Amino acid sequence: MEPGMRVEHPQQPDWGIGEVQSNIGGRVTVNFPEIGKIVIETSRVALHPVFDAETRLPKG
């Protein structure tokens, strides 16, 4: 996971599509539109990359 990547949390689809802010030592900070910034341990949660995010994000 690299900064700028769009991802979804597999167990929390209602959080929406988030943008990776940083990845330090397996701890990924993601900014989700519905809940804000969250730090996720990638050893515990496998975030799903989203490659068509532009068509799924609200325009604004």
Protein backbone atom coordinates (compact mmCIF):
# COMPACT_ATOMS: atom_id res chain seq x y z
CA MET A 1 0.00 0.00 0.00
CA GLU A 2 1.40 3.34 -1.08
CA PRO A 3 0.16 6.88 -0.37
CA GLY A 4 -2.50 7.90 -2.85
CA MET A 5 -3.84 4.38 -3.40
CA ARG A 6 -7.60 3.92 -3.03
CA VAL A 7 -8.71 1.02 -0.83
CA GLU A 8 -11.74 -0.60 0.79
CA HIS A 9 -11.84 -2.27 4.20
CA PRO A 10 -13.21 -5.82 3.61
CA GLN A 11 -15.18 -5.93 6.88
CA GLN A 12 -16.40 -2.31 6.76
CA PRO A 13 -17.79 -1.56 3.29
CA ASP A 14 -19.97 1.23 4.73
CA TRP A 15 -16.77 3.24 5.39
CA GLY A 16 -16.55 3.86 1.65
CA ILE A 17 -13.41 4.05 -0.45
CA GLY A 18 -10.46 5.44 1.44
CA GLU A 19 -7.18 6.98 0.37
CA VAL A 20 -3.91 5.69 1.83
CA GLN A 21 -2.07 8.51 3.60
CA SER A 22 1.00 6.58 4.82
CA ASN A 23 2.41 3.09 5.35
CA ILE A 24 4.98 2.77 8.11
CA GLY A 25 6.02 -0.65 9.37
CA GLY A 26 2.81 -2.35 8.28
CA ARG A 27 0.61 0.34 9.84
CA VAL A 28 -1.40 2.01 7.11
CA THR A 29 -3.20 5.30 7.72
CA VAL A 30 -6.28 5.56 5.51
CA ASN A 31 -8.65 8.51 5.19
CA PHE A 32 -12.20 7.16 4.72
CA PRO A 33 -14.96 9.57 3.62
CA GLU A 34 -17.48 8.30 6.17
CA ILE A 35 -15.29 8.08 9.30
CA GLY A 36 -12.07 10.00 8.73
CA LYS A 37 -8.52 8.78 9.29
CA ILE A 38 -7.94 5.29 10.66
CA VAL A 39 -4.69 3.40 11.30
CA ILE A 40 -4.93 -0.23 10.16
CA GLU A 41 -2.50 -3.06 10.91
CA THR A 42 -2.00 -4.83 7.59
CA SER A 43 -1.02 -8.01 9.43
CA ARG A 44 -4.61 -8.16 10.72
CA VAL A 45 -6.62 -6.67 7.86
CA ALA A 46 -6.02 -7.14 4.13
CA LEU A 47 -7.22 -3.92 2.55
CA HIS A 48 -8.61 -4.29 -0.96
CA PRO A 49 -7.14 -1.96 -3.61
CA VAL A 50 -9.74 -0.13 -5.71
CA PHE A 51 -8.66 0.77 -9.21
CA ASP A 52 -11.92 2.27 -10.49
CA ALA A 53 -12.36 4.65 -7.55
CA GLU A 54 -12.92 7.72 -9.70
CA THR A 55 -16.26 6.38 -10.94
CA ARG A 56 -17.42 5.41 -7.43
CA LEU A 57 -16.52 8.53 -5.46
CA PRO A 58 -19.06 11.34 -5.13
CA LYS A 59 -18.33 14.36 -7.28
CA GLY A 60 -17.65 17.53 -5.40
